[in-house]
Amino acid sequence: MKRSVALLLLATFSLATLCACNTMEGLGKDVQKLGEKVEQKASN
């Protein structure tokens, strides 16, 4: 039972990691835009 749960968690983590590779570039752009907005508010 523990082994099947561990394998299920490993498969889920692996799938999430593979899917995240495609979205990390978009996430990076969003974080960069957020940082720019914070800088603009700080300079005002």
N, C-alpha and C. Protein backbone atom coordinates (compact mmCIF):
# COMPACT_ATOMS: atom_id res chain seq x y z
N MET A 1 0.83 -1.20 0.00
CA MET A 1 0.00 0.00 0.00
C MET A 1 0.87 1.26 0.00
N LYS A 2 1.87 1.29 0.86
CA LYS A 2 2.74 2.46 0.93
C LYS A 2 3.50 2.65 -0.37
N ARG A 3 3.89 1.55 -0.99
CA ARG A 3 4.64 1.66 -2.23
C ARG A 3 3.77 2.25 -3.34
N SER A 4 2.51 1.83 -3.42
CA SER A 4 1.64 2.36 -4.47
C SER A 4 1.34 3.84 -4.24
N VAL A 5 1.21 4.25 -3.00
CA VAL A 5 1.00 5.67 -2.69
C VAL A 5 2.23 6.47 -3.07
N ALA A 6 3.40 5.95 -2.76
CA ALA A 6 4.65 6.63 -3.10
C ALA A 6 4.79 6.76 -4.61
N LEU A 7 4.47 5.70 -5.35
CA LEU A 7 4.56 5.75 -6.80
C LEU A 7 3.56 6.74 -7.39
N LEU A 8 2.38 6.79 -6.81
CA LEU A 8 1.37 7.75 -7.26
C LEU A 8 1.83 9.18 -7.04
N LEU A 9 2.42 9.44 -5.87
CA LEU A 9 2.92 10.78 -5.58
C LEU A 9 4.08 11.14 -6.51
N LEU A 10 4.96 10.19 -6.77
CA LEU A 10 6.08 10.43 -7.67
C LEU A 10 5.58 10.73 -9.08
N ALA A 11 4.60 9.97 -9.55
CA ALA A 11 4.05 10.20 -10.88
C ALA A 11 3.38 11.57 -10.96
N THR A 12 2.65 11.95 -9.93
CA THR A 12 1.97 13.25 -9.91
C THR A 12 3.00 14.39 -9.91
N PHE A 13 4.04 14.25 -9.10
CA PHE A 13 5.09 15.27 -9.05
C PHE A 13 5.80 15.38 -10.39
N SER A 14 6.09 14.25 -11.00
CA SER A 14 6.78 14.25 -12.30
C SER A 14 5.93 14.92 -13.37
N LEU A 15 4.66 14.61 -13.39
CA LEU A 15 3.75 15.22 -14.36
C LEU A 15 3.66 16.72 -14.15
N ALA A 16 3.54 17.13 -12.90
CA ALA A 16 3.47 18.57 -12.60
C ALA A 16 4.74 19.28 -13.02
N THR A 17 5.87 18.65 -12.82
CA THR A 17 7.14 19.24 -13.20
C THR A 17 7.24 19.39 -14.71
N LEU A 18 6.83 18.38 -15.43
CA LEU A 18 6.89 18.44 -16.89
C LEU A 18 5.94 19.51 -17.44
N CYS A 19 4.78 19.64 -16.85
CA CYS A 19 3.84 20.66 -17.30
C CYS A 19 4.33 22.06 -16.96
N ALA A 20 5.01 22.19 -15.85
CA ALA A 20 5.50 23.49 -15.41
C ALA A 20 6.58 24.03 -16.33
N CYS A 21 7.30 23.15 -17.01
CA CYS A 21 8.36 23.61 -17.90
C CYS A 21 7.82 24.55 -18.96
N ASN A 22 6.62 24.30 -19.44
CA ASN A 22 6.02 25.14 -20.48
C ASN A 22 5.52 26.46 -19.92
N THR A 23 5.19 26.50 -18.65
CA THR A 23 4.59 27.72 -18.10
C THR A 23 5.59 28.57 -17.31
N MET A 24 6.79 28.08 -17.08
CA MET A 24 7.75 28.84 -16.27
C MET A 24 8.15 30.14 -16.96
N GLU A 25 8.22 30.14 -18.27
CA GLU A 25 8.57 31.37 -18.99
C GLU A 25 7.48 32.42 -18.77
N GLY A 26 6.23 32.02 -18.87
CA GLY A 26 5.12 32.94 -18.64
C GLY A 26 5.08 33.43 -17.21
N LEU A 27 5.36 32.53 -16.28
CA LEU A 27 5.39 32.92 -14.87
C LEU A 27 6.50 33.94 -14.63
N GLY A 28 7.65 33.74 -15.24
CA GLY A 28 8.76 34.68 -15.10
C GLY A 28 8.39 36.06 -15.61
N LYS A 29 7.67 36.11 -16.72
CA LYS A 29 7.25 37.41 -17.26
C LYS A 29 6.26 38.09 -16.33
N ASP A 30 5.34 37.32 -15.74
CA ASP A 30 4.38 37.89 -14.81
C ASP A 30 5.07 38.46 -13.57
N VAL A 31 6.04 37.73 -13.05
CA VAL A 31 6.77 38.19 -11.88
C VAL A 31 7.56 39.45 -12.22
N GLN A 32 8.12 39.50 -13.40
CA GLN A 32 8.88 40.69 -13.81
C GLN A 32 7.95 41.90 -13.90
N LYS A 33 6.77 41.74 -14.46
CA LYS A 33 5.82 42.86 -14.56
C LYS A 33 5.38 43.31 -13.17
N LEU A 34 5.18 42.36 -12.27
CA LEU A 34 4.81 42.70 -10.90
C LEU A 34 5.92 43.51 -10.24
N GLY A 35 7.16 43.10 -10.45
CA GLY A 35 8.30 43.84 -9.90
C GLY A 35 8.38 45.26 -10.44
N GLU A 36 8.08 45.42 -11.72
CA GLU A 36 8.09 46.77 -12.32
C GLU A 36 7.00 47.64 -11.68
N LYS A 37 5.84 47.08 -11.43
CA LYS A 37 4.76 47.86 -10.80
C LYS A 37 5.15 48.27 -9.39
N VAL A 38 5.79 47.37 -8.65
CA VAL A 38 6.22 47.70 -7.30
C VAL A 38 7.26 48.82 -7.33
N GLU A 39 8.19 48.77 -8.29
CA GLU A 39 9.19 49.82 -8.41
C GLU A 39 8.55 51.16 -8.74
N GLN A 40 7.54 51.15 -9.59
CA GLN A 40 6.86 52.39 -9.95
C GLN A 40 6.15 52.99 -8.73
N LYS A 41 5.50 52.15 -7.95
CA LYS A 41 4.81 52.64 -6.75
C LYS A 41 5.81 53.17 -5.73
N ALA A 42 6.96 52.51 -5.62
CA ALA A 42 7.97 52.93 -4.64
C ALA A 42 8.59 54.26 -5.03
N SER A 43 8.70 54.54 -6.32
CA SER A 43 9.34 55.79 -6.74
C SER A 43 8.38 56.97 -6.66
N ASN A 44 7.10 56.72 -6.53
CA ASN A 44 6.11 57.83 -6.44
C ASN A 44 6.02 58.38 -5.07
